[in-house]
N, C-alpha and C. Protein backbone atom coordinates (compact mmCIF):
# COMPACT_ATOMS: atom_id res chain seq x y z
N MET A 1 -47.14 39.88 39.23
CA MET A 1 -48.57 40.11 39.04
C MET A 1 -49.09 39.23 37.90
N ILE A 2 -50.09 38.44 38.20
CA ILE A 2 -50.70 37.58 37.19
C ILE A 2 -51.89 38.32 36.60
N SER A 3 -52.05 38.29 35.28
CA SER A 3 -53.15 39.00 34.65
C SER A 3 -54.48 38.45 35.15
N GLN A 4 -55.47 39.29 35.12
CA GLN A 4 -56.79 38.93 35.65
C GLN A 4 -57.34 37.69 34.94
N GLU A 5 -57.07 37.57 33.65
CA GLU A 5 -57.59 36.45 32.87
C GLU A 5 -56.99 35.12 33.29
N LEU A 6 -55.80 35.15 33.91
CA LEU A 6 -55.11 33.92 34.28
C LEU A 6 -55.19 33.61 35.77
N GLU A 7 -55.82 34.47 36.54
CA GLU A 7 -55.80 34.29 37.99
C GLU A 7 -56.37 32.95 38.43
N GLY A 8 -57.41 32.45 37.70
CA GLY A 8 -58.01 31.18 38.06
C GLY A 8 -57.12 29.99 37.78
N MET A 9 -55.98 30.21 37.09
CA MET A 9 -55.06 29.13 36.74
C MET A 9 -53.82 29.14 37.64
N ALA A 10 -53.79 30.04 38.61
CA ALA A 10 -52.60 30.20 39.44
C ALA A 10 -52.48 29.07 40.46
N VAL A 11 -51.25 28.57 40.63
CA VAL A 11 -50.95 27.54 41.63
C VAL A 11 -49.71 27.96 42.40
N PRO A 12 -49.52 27.47 43.62
CA PRO A 12 -48.31 27.82 44.39
C PRO A 12 -47.03 27.35 43.69
N LEU A 13 -46.01 28.15 43.76
CA LEU A 13 -44.74 27.79 43.13
C LEU A 13 -44.15 26.53 43.73
N GLN A 14 -44.38 26.29 45.01
CA GLN A 14 -43.76 25.13 45.64
C GLN A 14 -44.31 23.81 45.11
N GLU A 15 -45.40 23.86 44.37
CA GLU A 15 -45.96 22.63 43.79
C GLU A 15 -45.27 22.26 42.47
N LEU A 16 -44.40 23.14 41.96
CA LEU A 16 -43.79 22.95 40.65
C LEU A 16 -42.28 22.74 40.78
N VAL A 17 -41.71 22.07 39.79
CA VAL A 17 -40.25 21.88 39.72
C VAL A 17 -39.81 22.09 38.28
N THR A 18 -38.62 22.63 38.13
CA THR A 18 -38.08 22.80 36.77
C THR A 18 -37.70 21.44 36.20
N HIS A 19 -37.71 21.35 34.88
CA HIS A 19 -37.37 20.09 34.22
C HIS A 19 -35.87 19.83 34.40
N PRO A 20 -35.49 18.68 34.97
CA PRO A 20 -34.07 18.43 35.25
C PRO A 20 -33.23 18.25 33.99
N GLY A 21 -33.87 17.94 32.86
CA GLY A 21 -33.11 17.72 31.63
C GLY A 21 -33.23 18.85 30.65
N ASN A 22 -33.70 20.01 31.11
CA ASN A 22 -33.87 21.14 30.19
C ASN A 22 -32.52 21.72 29.79
N PRO A 23 -32.14 21.64 28.50
CA PRO A 23 -30.84 22.15 28.08
C PRO A 23 -30.87 23.63 27.72
N ARG A 24 -32.02 24.24 27.80
CA ARG A 24 -32.17 25.65 27.42
C ARG A 24 -31.62 26.55 28.52
N ARG A 25 -30.97 27.66 28.12
CA ARG A 25 -30.48 28.65 29.08
C ARG A 25 -31.07 30.01 28.68
N GLY A 26 -32.07 30.41 29.41
CA GLY A 26 -32.74 31.67 29.09
C GLY A 26 -32.21 32.83 29.89
N SER A 27 -32.62 34.04 29.50
CA SER A 27 -32.21 35.25 30.20
C SER A 27 -33.23 35.56 31.28
N ILE A 28 -32.94 35.14 32.50
CA ILE A 28 -33.88 35.35 33.60
C ILE A 28 -34.07 36.84 33.88
N ASP A 29 -33.01 37.63 33.76
CA ASP A 29 -33.13 39.06 34.01
C ASP A 29 -34.11 39.71 33.04
N THR A 30 -34.06 39.29 31.76
CA THR A 30 -34.99 39.84 30.77
C THR A 30 -36.42 39.45 31.10
N ILE A 31 -36.63 38.20 31.50
CA ILE A 31 -37.97 37.74 31.84
C ILE A 31 -38.48 38.46 33.09
N LYS A 32 -37.60 38.69 34.05
CA LYS A 32 -38.00 39.43 35.25
C LYS A 32 -38.46 40.84 34.87
N HIS A 33 -37.74 41.45 33.95
CA HIS A 33 -38.13 42.79 33.49
C HIS A 33 -39.51 42.75 32.85
N SER A 34 -39.76 41.71 32.04
CA SER A 34 -41.06 41.57 31.39
C SER A 34 -42.17 41.34 32.40
N LEU A 35 -41.94 40.44 33.37
CA LEU A 35 -42.96 40.16 34.37
C LEU A 35 -43.25 41.38 35.22
N THR A 36 -42.22 42.16 35.51
CA THR A 36 -42.41 43.35 36.32
C THR A 36 -43.24 44.39 35.58
N ARG A 37 -42.99 44.52 34.29
CA ARG A 37 -43.71 45.55 33.52
C ARG A 37 -45.09 45.09 33.07
N PHE A 38 -45.19 43.86 32.57
CA PHE A 38 -46.44 43.40 31.96
C PHE A 38 -47.21 42.40 32.82
N GLY A 39 -46.54 41.82 33.82
CA GLY A 39 -47.15 40.74 34.56
C GLY A 39 -47.11 39.46 33.75
N GLN A 40 -47.68 38.39 34.29
CA GLN A 40 -47.74 37.13 33.53
C GLN A 40 -49.00 37.16 32.66
N VAL A 41 -48.79 37.11 31.36
CA VAL A 41 -49.92 37.20 30.43
C VAL A 41 -50.15 35.89 29.67
N ARG A 42 -49.31 34.89 29.91
CA ARG A 42 -49.56 33.57 29.36
C ARG A 42 -49.07 32.52 30.36
N PRO A 43 -49.79 31.41 30.46
CA PRO A 43 -49.43 30.41 31.46
C PRO A 43 -48.22 29.59 31.03
N ILE A 44 -47.56 28.99 32.01
CA ILE A 44 -46.51 28.03 31.70
C ILE A 44 -47.15 26.65 31.58
N VAL A 45 -46.44 25.72 30.94
CA VAL A 45 -46.99 24.38 30.69
C VAL A 45 -46.34 23.39 31.65
N VAL A 46 -47.18 22.63 32.37
CA VAL A 46 -46.68 21.75 33.42
C VAL A 46 -47.27 20.34 33.25
N GLN A 47 -46.41 19.35 33.45
CA GLN A 47 -46.86 17.96 33.46
C GLN A 47 -47.70 17.72 34.72
N HIS A 48 -48.95 17.29 34.52
CA HIS A 48 -49.90 17.20 35.63
C HIS A 48 -49.47 16.20 36.69
N GLU A 49 -48.88 15.09 36.27
CA GLU A 49 -48.58 14.00 37.20
C GLU A 49 -47.58 14.39 38.27
N ASP A 50 -46.51 15.07 37.88
CA ASP A 50 -45.43 15.33 38.83
C ASP A 50 -45.08 16.81 39.00
N GLY A 51 -45.78 17.70 38.30
CA GLY A 51 -45.51 19.14 38.45
C GLY A 51 -44.25 19.62 37.77
N VAL A 52 -43.71 18.80 36.86
CA VAL A 52 -42.49 19.20 36.13
C VAL A 52 -42.87 20.19 35.02
N ILE A 53 -42.12 21.27 34.95
CA ILE A 53 -42.40 22.32 33.96
C ILE A 53 -41.83 21.91 32.60
N LEU A 54 -42.69 21.94 31.57
CA LEU A 54 -42.25 21.60 30.21
C LEU A 54 -41.95 22.85 29.40
N ALA A 55 -42.71 23.90 29.60
CA ALA A 55 -42.49 25.17 28.89
C ALA A 55 -42.68 26.30 29.89
N GLY A 56 -41.65 27.12 30.04
CA GLY A 56 -41.72 28.23 30.99
C GLY A 56 -40.83 28.05 32.19
N ASN A 57 -39.80 27.20 32.06
CA ASN A 57 -38.88 26.98 33.18
C ASN A 57 -38.26 28.28 33.67
N HIS A 58 -37.84 29.12 32.73
CA HIS A 58 -37.16 30.35 33.13
C HIS A 58 -38.15 31.42 33.60
N THR A 59 -39.39 31.34 33.11
CA THR A 59 -40.42 32.22 33.65
C THR A 59 -40.67 31.88 35.12
N PHE A 60 -40.70 30.59 35.41
CA PHE A 60 -40.86 30.11 36.79
C PHE A 60 -39.71 30.62 37.66
N LEU A 61 -38.47 30.50 37.17
CA LEU A 61 -37.31 30.95 37.94
C LEU A 61 -37.33 32.46 38.15
N ALA A 62 -37.73 33.19 37.10
CA ALA A 62 -37.81 34.65 37.22
C ALA A 62 -38.86 35.05 38.25
N ALA A 63 -40.01 34.38 38.21
CA ALA A 63 -41.06 34.67 39.19
C ALA A 63 -40.58 34.37 40.61
N SER A 64 -39.83 33.29 40.76
CA SER A 64 -39.29 32.93 42.07
C SER A 64 -38.36 34.01 42.59
N GLU A 65 -37.48 34.51 41.71
CA GLU A 65 -36.54 35.55 42.13
C GLU A 65 -37.25 36.86 42.46
N LEU A 66 -38.42 37.07 41.84
CA LEU A 66 -39.19 38.28 42.12
C LEU A 66 -40.01 38.15 43.40
N GLY A 67 -40.01 36.94 43.99
CA GLY A 67 -40.73 36.75 45.24
C GLY A 67 -42.18 36.38 45.07
N TRP A 68 -42.57 35.97 43.85
CA TRP A 68 -43.95 35.55 43.65
C TRP A 68 -44.21 34.26 44.42
N ASP A 69 -45.45 34.07 44.86
CA ASP A 69 -45.80 32.82 45.53
C ASP A 69 -46.69 31.93 44.65
N LYS A 70 -47.22 32.50 43.55
CA LYS A 70 -48.06 31.74 42.64
C LYS A 70 -47.72 32.07 41.19
N ILE A 71 -48.09 31.18 40.29
CA ILE A 71 -47.90 31.41 38.87
C ILE A 71 -48.98 30.66 38.11
N ALA A 72 -49.44 31.21 36.99
CA ALA A 72 -50.51 30.60 36.22
C ALA A 72 -49.97 29.42 35.41
N VAL A 73 -50.73 28.33 35.39
CA VAL A 73 -50.27 27.08 34.82
C VAL A 73 -51.34 26.45 33.92
N VAL A 74 -50.89 25.82 32.83
CA VAL A 74 -51.72 24.90 32.05
C VAL A 74 -51.16 23.51 32.26
N TYR A 75 -51.98 22.58 32.71
CA TYR A 75 -51.53 21.22 32.95
C TYR A 75 -51.77 20.35 31.72
N VAL A 76 -50.82 19.44 31.46
CA VAL A 76 -50.95 18.46 30.38
C VAL A 76 -50.57 17.10 30.93
N ASP A 77 -51.05 16.07 30.25
CA ASP A 77 -50.68 14.70 30.61
C ASP A 77 -50.06 14.05 29.38
N LEU A 78 -48.72 14.01 29.36
CA LEU A 78 -48.00 13.44 28.23
C LEU A 78 -47.09 12.32 28.71
N PRO A 79 -46.91 11.27 27.90
CA PRO A 79 -45.89 10.26 28.23
C PRO A 79 -44.53 10.94 28.37
N GLU A 80 -43.64 10.32 29.12
CA GLU A 80 -42.36 10.95 29.45
C GLU A 80 -41.60 11.41 28.22
N ASP A 81 -41.46 10.53 27.22
CA ASP A 81 -40.71 10.90 26.01
C ASP A 81 -41.42 12.00 25.24
N GLU A 82 -42.76 11.94 25.18
CA GLU A 82 -43.52 12.99 24.50
C GLU A 82 -43.34 14.33 25.21
N ALA A 83 -43.32 14.28 26.53
CA ALA A 83 -43.15 15.50 27.30
C ALA A 83 -41.79 16.14 27.02
N THR A 84 -40.74 15.30 26.97
CA THR A 84 -39.40 15.82 26.68
C THR A 84 -39.33 16.38 25.27
N ALA A 85 -39.96 15.67 24.32
CA ALA A 85 -39.97 16.14 22.94
C ALA A 85 -40.69 17.47 22.83
N TYR A 86 -41.80 17.62 23.56
CA TYR A 86 -42.54 18.89 23.53
C TYR A 86 -41.69 20.02 24.09
N MET A 87 -40.98 19.76 25.19
CA MET A 87 -40.12 20.78 25.78
C MET A 87 -39.09 21.27 24.77
N LEU A 88 -38.47 20.33 24.06
CA LEU A 88 -37.46 20.71 23.07
C LEU A 88 -38.09 21.45 21.90
N MET A 89 -39.25 20.99 21.43
CA MET A 89 -39.92 21.65 20.31
C MET A 89 -40.33 23.07 20.67
N ASP A 90 -40.79 23.26 21.89
CA ASP A 90 -41.19 24.60 22.31
C ASP A 90 -40.02 25.57 22.24
N ASN A 91 -38.84 25.12 22.65
CA ASN A 91 -37.65 25.97 22.58
C ASN A 91 -37.13 26.10 21.16
N ARG A 92 -37.13 25.00 20.43
CA ARG A 92 -36.58 25.00 19.08
C ARG A 92 -37.40 25.87 18.13
N SER A 93 -38.71 25.88 18.30
CA SER A 93 -39.56 26.68 17.41
C SER A 93 -39.22 28.16 17.53
N GLY A 94 -38.84 28.59 18.73
CA GLY A 94 -38.41 29.98 18.89
C GLY A 94 -37.08 30.25 18.21
N ASP A 95 -36.18 29.25 18.27
CA ASP A 95 -34.87 29.41 17.63
C ASP A 95 -35.00 29.57 16.12
N MET A 96 -35.98 28.90 15.52
CA MET A 96 -36.11 28.86 14.07
C MET A 96 -36.87 30.05 13.51
N ALA A 97 -37.41 30.89 14.39
CA ALA A 97 -38.11 32.09 13.93
C ALA A 97 -37.10 33.12 13.42
N THR A 98 -37.51 33.96 12.50
CA THR A 98 -36.65 35.01 11.97
C THR A 98 -37.38 36.35 12.07
N TRP A 99 -36.61 37.42 11.88
CA TRP A 99 -37.18 38.76 11.93
C TRP A 99 -37.28 39.35 10.53
N ASP A 100 -38.30 40.12 10.31
CA ASP A 100 -38.36 41.02 9.16
C ASP A 100 -37.64 42.29 9.61
N ASP A 101 -36.38 42.43 9.21
CA ASP A 101 -35.55 43.52 9.75
C ASP A 101 -36.15 44.89 9.48
N VAL A 102 -36.72 45.07 8.29
CA VAL A 102 -37.31 46.38 7.97
C VAL A 102 -38.47 46.68 8.91
N GLY A 103 -39.36 45.69 9.06
CA GLY A 103 -40.49 45.89 9.95
C GLY A 103 -40.07 46.05 11.40
N LEU A 104 -39.08 45.26 11.82
CA LEU A 104 -38.60 45.36 13.19
C LEU A 104 -38.03 46.73 13.47
N LEU A 105 -37.24 47.26 12.52
CA LEU A 105 -36.65 48.59 12.71
C LEU A 105 -37.73 49.65 12.83
N GLU A 106 -38.77 49.53 12.01
CA GLU A 106 -39.85 50.52 12.06
C GLU A 106 -40.54 50.51 13.43
N VAL A 107 -40.82 49.30 13.93
CA VAL A 107 -41.50 49.19 15.21
C VAL A 107 -40.61 49.70 16.35
N LEU A 108 -39.33 49.30 16.34
CA LEU A 108 -38.42 49.73 17.40
C LEU A 108 -38.21 51.25 17.37
N THR A 109 -38.09 51.80 16.17
CA THR A 109 -37.90 53.24 16.05
C THR A 109 -39.11 53.99 16.61
N ASP A 110 -40.29 53.48 16.30
CA ASP A 110 -41.52 54.11 16.81
C ASP A 110 -41.59 54.04 18.33
N LEU A 111 -41.29 52.85 18.89
CA LEU A 111 -41.36 52.70 20.35
C LEU A 111 -40.26 53.50 21.04
N ASN A 112 -39.10 53.59 20.40
CA ASN A 112 -38.01 54.38 20.98
C ASN A 112 -38.40 55.85 21.06
N ALA A 113 -39.12 56.34 20.04
CA ALA A 113 -39.57 57.74 20.05
C ALA A 113 -40.56 57.98 21.18
N LYS A 114 -41.18 56.91 21.67
CA LYS A 114 -42.13 57.02 22.77
C LYS A 114 -41.51 56.61 24.11
N ASP A 115 -40.15 56.51 24.11
CA ASP A 115 -39.42 56.14 25.33
C ASP A 115 -39.85 54.77 25.86
N MET A 116 -40.08 53.82 24.95
CA MET A 116 -40.52 52.49 25.37
C MET A 116 -39.55 51.40 24.94
N ILE A 117 -38.36 51.77 24.51
CA ILE A 117 -37.42 50.77 23.99
C ILE A 117 -37.04 49.76 25.06
N GLU A 118 -36.94 50.20 26.33
CA GLU A 118 -36.54 49.28 27.40
C GLU A 118 -37.57 48.18 27.62
N ALA A 119 -38.81 48.43 27.23
CA ALA A 119 -39.87 47.44 27.44
C ALA A 119 -39.84 46.33 26.39
N THR A 120 -38.98 46.46 25.39
CA THR A 120 -38.98 45.50 24.29
C THR A 120 -37.92 44.41 24.42
N GLY A 121 -36.94 44.61 25.29
CA GLY A 121 -35.82 43.68 25.35
C GLY A 121 -34.72 44.04 24.38
N PHE A 122 -34.97 45.04 23.51
CA PHE A 122 -33.96 45.54 22.59
C PHE A 122 -33.32 46.79 23.17
N THR A 123 -32.22 47.23 22.56
CA THR A 123 -31.51 48.41 23.01
C THR A 123 -31.28 49.36 21.85
N LEU A 124 -30.76 50.54 22.16
CA LEU A 124 -30.42 51.50 21.11
C LEU A 124 -29.33 50.93 20.20
N ASP A 125 -28.43 50.13 20.78
CA ASP A 125 -27.39 49.50 19.96
C ASP A 125 -28.01 48.57 18.92
N ASP A 126 -29.08 47.87 19.30
CA ASP A 126 -29.75 46.99 18.35
C ASP A 126 -30.35 47.79 17.20
N ILE A 127 -30.91 48.95 17.51
CA ILE A 127 -31.47 49.81 16.47
C ILE A 127 -30.36 50.25 15.51
N GLU A 128 -29.23 50.66 16.07
CA GLU A 128 -28.12 51.10 15.21
C GLU A 128 -27.58 49.96 14.37
N ASP A 129 -27.53 48.75 14.94
CA ASP A 129 -27.07 47.59 14.17
C ASP A 129 -28.01 47.31 13.00
N LEU A 130 -29.31 47.43 13.24
CA LEU A 130 -30.28 47.23 12.16
C LEU A 130 -30.13 48.30 11.09
N GLN A 131 -29.94 49.52 11.51
CA GLN A 131 -29.75 50.61 10.55
C GLN A 131 -28.52 50.36 9.68
N ALA A 132 -27.45 49.90 10.31
CA ALA A 132 -26.22 49.62 9.57
C ALA A 132 -26.44 48.47 8.60
N ALA A 133 -27.13 47.41 9.05
CA ALA A 133 -27.37 46.25 8.19
C ALA A 133 -28.24 46.61 7.00
N LEU A 134 -29.12 47.58 7.19
CA LEU A 134 -30.03 47.98 6.11
C LEU A 134 -29.53 49.20 5.35
N ASP A 135 -28.27 49.58 5.62
CA ASP A 135 -27.65 50.74 4.95
C ASP A 135 -28.49 52.00 5.14
N GLN A 136 -29.00 52.19 6.35
CA GLN A 136 -29.82 53.36 6.62
C GLN A 136 -29.09 54.39 7.48
N ILE A 137 -27.80 54.19 7.66
CA ILE A 137 -27.01 55.18 8.40
C ILE A 137 -26.44 56.18 7.41
N ALA A 138 -26.74 57.44 7.62
CA ALA A 138 -26.26 58.48 6.71
C ALA A 138 -24.75 58.61 6.80
N LEU A 139 -24.11 58.60 5.64
CA LEU A 139 -22.65 58.75 5.58
C LEU A 139 -22.30 60.20 5.31
N THR A 140 -21.28 60.69 5.97
CA THR A 140 -20.83 62.06 5.76
C THR A 140 -19.57 62.05 4.91
N GLU A 141 -19.36 63.13 4.20
CA GLU A 141 -18.16 63.27 3.38
C GLU A 141 -16.95 63.47 4.28
N PRO A 142 -15.86 62.77 4.00
CA PRO A 142 -14.65 62.97 4.82
C PRO A 142 -14.15 64.40 4.69
N GLN A 143 -13.74 64.96 5.81
CA GLN A 143 -13.26 66.33 5.83
C GLN A 143 -11.76 66.36 5.55
N PRO A 144 -11.31 67.30 4.73
CA PRO A 144 -9.87 67.39 4.47
C PRO A 144 -9.11 67.74 5.74
N PHE A 145 -7.91 67.22 5.84
CA PHE A 145 -7.09 67.46 7.02
C PHE A 145 -6.70 68.93 7.10
N GLN A 146 -6.99 69.54 8.24
CA GLN A 146 -6.70 70.96 8.44
C GLN A 146 -5.59 71.18 9.45
N GLY A 147 -4.97 70.09 9.91
CA GLY A 147 -3.92 70.24 10.90
C GLY A 147 -4.51 70.39 12.29
N GLY A 148 -3.67 70.60 13.24
CA GLY A 148 -4.13 70.84 14.60
C GLY A 148 -4.26 69.60 15.46
N TYR A 149 -3.86 68.44 14.91
CA TYR A 149 -3.97 67.22 15.69
C TYR A 149 -2.81 67.07 16.67
N THR A 150 -1.68 67.63 16.32
CA THR A 150 -0.53 67.50 17.22
C THR A 150 -0.68 68.47 18.39
N GLU A 151 0.05 68.17 19.46
CA GLU A 151 -0.03 68.99 20.66
C GLU A 151 0.67 70.33 20.45
N GLU A 152 0.00 71.37 20.89
CA GLU A 152 0.59 72.70 20.79
C GLU A 152 1.78 72.81 21.75
N PRO A 153 2.79 73.59 21.40
CA PRO A 153 3.98 73.71 22.25
C PRO A 153 3.66 74.13 23.67
N GLU A 154 2.70 75.07 23.84
CA GLU A 154 2.38 75.51 25.19
C GLU A 154 1.71 74.40 26.01
N ASP A 155 0.95 73.53 25.31
CA ASP A 155 0.33 72.40 26.01
C ASP A 155 1.40 71.40 26.45
N THR A 156 2.38 71.20 25.57
CA THR A 156 3.48 70.30 25.93
C THR A 156 4.25 70.85 27.13
N ALA A 157 4.50 72.14 27.11
CA ALA A 157 5.24 72.76 28.21
C ALA A 157 4.48 72.63 29.52
N ALA A 158 3.14 72.82 29.46
CA ALA A 158 2.33 72.72 30.68
C ALA A 158 2.32 71.28 31.20
N ARG A 159 2.26 70.33 30.28
CA ARG A 159 2.23 68.93 30.68
C ARG A 159 3.53 68.52 31.34
N TRP A 160 4.64 69.11 30.88
CA TRP A 160 5.95 68.76 31.42
C TRP A 160 6.41 69.73 32.49
N SER A 161 5.49 70.58 32.97
CA SER A 161 5.86 71.56 33.99
C SER A 161 6.47 70.86 35.19
N GLU A 162 7.60 71.38 35.64
CA GLU A 162 8.33 70.87 36.79
C GLU A 162 8.83 69.44 36.58
N ARG A 163 8.93 69.02 35.32
CA ARG A 163 9.44 67.66 35.06
C ARG A 163 10.75 67.72 34.27
N ASN A 164 11.34 68.94 34.19
CA ASN A 164 12.62 69.09 33.50
C ASN A 164 12.52 68.57 32.08
N GLU A 165 11.62 69.20 31.29
CA GLU A 165 11.39 68.76 29.92
C GLU A 165 12.70 68.73 29.14
N GLY A 166 12.86 67.68 28.37
CA GLY A 166 14.06 67.50 27.58
C GLY A 166 15.05 66.59 28.24
N ALA A 167 14.97 66.47 29.56
CA ALA A 167 15.89 65.61 30.29
C ALA A 167 15.23 64.29 30.65
N ASN A 168 13.96 64.14 30.29
CA ASN A 168 13.22 62.92 30.62
C ASN A 168 12.86 62.15 29.36
N LYS A 169 12.83 60.85 29.48
CA LYS A 169 12.41 59.97 28.40
C LYS A 169 11.30 59.06 28.91
N GLU A 170 10.35 58.76 28.05
CA GLU A 170 9.25 57.90 28.44
C GLU A 170 9.51 56.47 27.99
N ILE A 171 9.13 55.51 28.84
CA ILE A 171 9.20 54.09 28.51
C ILE A 171 7.78 53.54 28.57
N VAL A 172 7.31 52.93 27.49
CA VAL A 172 5.96 52.38 27.43
C VAL A 172 6.05 50.86 27.49
N LEU A 173 5.30 50.24 28.41
CA LEU A 173 5.25 48.80 28.56
C LEU A 173 3.89 48.31 28.09
N LEU A 174 3.89 47.40 27.13
CA LEU A 174 2.64 46.81 26.66
C LEU A 174 2.53 45.41 27.25
N LEU A 175 1.57 45.22 28.15
CA LEU A 175 1.41 43.94 28.85
C LEU A 175 -0.02 43.45 28.74
N PRO A 176 -0.23 42.13 28.71
CA PRO A 176 -1.59 41.60 28.83
C PRO A 176 -2.20 42.07 30.13
N HIS A 177 -3.52 42.12 30.19
CA HIS A 177 -4.21 42.67 31.36
C HIS A 177 -3.78 41.98 32.65
N GLU A 178 -3.70 40.62 32.61
CA GLU A 178 -3.34 39.90 33.81
C GLU A 178 -1.95 40.26 34.30
N GLN A 179 -0.98 40.37 33.35
CA GLN A 179 0.38 40.73 33.73
C GLN A 179 0.46 42.19 34.20
N TYR A 180 -0.38 43.05 33.61
CA TYR A 180 -0.40 44.46 34.01
C TYR A 180 -0.77 44.59 35.48
N GLU A 181 -1.84 43.86 35.88
CA GLU A 181 -2.26 43.92 37.27
C GLU A 181 -1.17 43.36 38.19
N GLN A 182 -0.56 42.25 37.78
CA GLN A 182 0.49 41.62 38.58
C GLN A 182 1.71 42.55 38.68
N PHE A 183 2.05 43.21 37.58
CA PHE A 183 3.21 44.10 37.54
C PHE A 183 3.04 45.26 38.52
N PHE A 184 1.87 45.91 38.49
CA PHE A 184 1.68 47.07 39.35
C PHE A 184 1.56 46.69 40.81
N GLU A 185 1.07 45.50 41.08
CA GLU A 185 1.05 45.04 42.46
C GLU A 185 2.47 44.83 42.97
N ALA A 186 3.32 44.24 42.10
CA ALA A 186 4.71 44.01 42.49
C ALA A 186 5.44 45.34 42.67
N VAL A 187 5.19 46.30 41.78
CA VAL A 187 5.84 47.60 41.89
C VAL A 187 5.43 48.28 43.20
N GLY A 188 4.18 48.11 43.59
CA GLY A 188 3.72 48.69 44.84
C GLY A 188 4.47 48.16 46.04
N HIS A 189 4.71 46.83 46.04
CA HIS A 189 5.48 46.23 47.13
C HIS A 189 6.91 46.76 47.14
N LEU A 190 7.52 46.86 45.95
CA LEU A 190 8.88 47.38 45.86
C LEU A 190 8.95 48.84 46.31
N GLN A 191 7.91 49.59 45.97
CA GLN A 191 7.91 51.00 46.35
C GLN A 191 7.92 51.16 47.87
N GLU A 192 7.18 50.29 48.55
CA GLU A 192 7.21 50.32 50.02
C GLU A 192 8.58 49.91 50.54
N PHE A 193 9.17 48.88 49.88
CA PHE A 193 10.47 48.38 50.32
C PHE A 193 11.54 49.46 50.18
N TYR A 194 11.55 50.16 49.04
CA TYR A 194 12.56 51.18 48.79
C TYR A 194 12.18 52.53 49.41
N GLU A 195 10.96 52.64 49.92
CA GLU A 195 10.48 53.89 50.49
C GLU A 195 10.56 55.01 49.47
N GLU A 196 10.15 54.70 48.26
CA GLU A 196 10.15 55.68 47.18
C GLU A 196 8.76 56.28 47.02
N THR A 197 8.70 57.51 46.56
CA THR A 197 7.41 58.15 46.28
C THR A 197 7.04 58.04 44.81
N SER A 198 7.98 57.63 43.99
CA SER A 198 7.76 57.55 42.55
C SER A 198 7.88 56.10 42.08
N LYS A 199 6.89 55.65 41.33
CA LYS A 199 6.97 54.30 40.77
C LYS A 199 8.09 54.21 39.74
N ALA A 200 8.30 55.30 39.00
CA ALA A 200 9.37 55.29 38.00
C ALA A 200 10.73 55.08 38.66
N GLN A 201 10.98 55.79 39.77
CA GLN A 201 12.24 55.64 40.47
C GLN A 201 12.34 54.26 41.13
N THR A 202 11.22 53.74 41.57
CA THR A 202 11.21 52.39 42.16
C THR A 202 11.63 51.36 41.13
N ILE A 203 11.04 51.44 39.93
CA ILE A 203 11.39 50.50 38.86
C ILE A 203 12.84 50.65 38.47
N PHE A 204 13.30 51.90 38.35
CA PHE A 204 14.69 52.15 37.97
C PHE A 204 15.65 51.55 39.00
N LYS A 205 15.35 51.77 40.28
CA LYS A 205 16.25 51.26 41.31
C LYS A 205 16.27 49.74 41.32
N ALA A 206 15.11 49.12 41.19
CA ALA A 206 15.04 47.66 41.24
C ALA A 206 15.78 47.04 40.05
N VAL A 207 15.59 47.62 38.85
CA VAL A 207 16.22 47.07 37.66
C VAL A 207 17.73 47.27 37.71
N THR A 208 18.17 48.45 38.10
CA THR A 208 19.63 48.72 38.10
C THR A 208 20.33 47.91 39.18
N GLU A 209 19.70 47.74 40.34
CA GLU A 209 20.31 46.93 41.40
C GLU A 209 20.42 45.49 40.98
N ARG A 210 19.38 44.99 40.33
CA ARG A 210 19.40 43.61 39.87
C ARG A 210 20.45 43.42 38.80
N ALA A 211 20.54 44.39 37.88
CA ALA A 211 21.54 44.27 36.81
C ALA A 211 22.95 44.32 37.38
N ALA A 212 23.19 45.12 38.41
CA ALA A 212 24.52 45.23 38.99
C ALA A 212 24.95 43.96 39.72
N SER A 213 23.94 43.17 40.15
CA SER A 213 24.27 41.94 40.88
C SER A 213 24.59 40.77 39.96
N LEU A 214 24.38 40.91 38.68
CA LEU A 214 24.62 39.81 37.74
C LEU A 214 26.11 39.64 37.45
């Protein structure tokens, strides 16, 4: 949805092309969320001669993904090098901006209380990060240890029910994620081969048979 004030500036998307040398990588999903909620409230900047977008490449892409057929445009006529320089300056000026963290936290906290945090592009995690950076997170006094962290005997007995507690030992394997997935896939194949119902018994049989063959 293009704002009423920009409707007279709307042109078909097929008349425009993204800048082939744009090194910027924007968050199209975030822009789509903004366009969906607020509509287009400022035009993108386009080179008049060839329809190349100088500012707003990702807004154009977001609008395309949303199925828009038009977008509001401001046309300029700049020499090629000037156009490229403008594109970079437009992106760089945003990079060089900074936040007033105290003011930002106040605004985000207020909007969050009104259930509007999703409309800002920020999250609750961002609010907590700001609070931590500004030392605004209340610290609690550490509680003295009162015991009770270990497993109660009856819980241990229930966990080992029908497992012959005392006659079993646990083996823990620490593997990188990729090897973990590969390991369990291999164990699954062996389990079918040995026709075992237990992975533990499958591993035991495979290891002991291999060791006996050495």
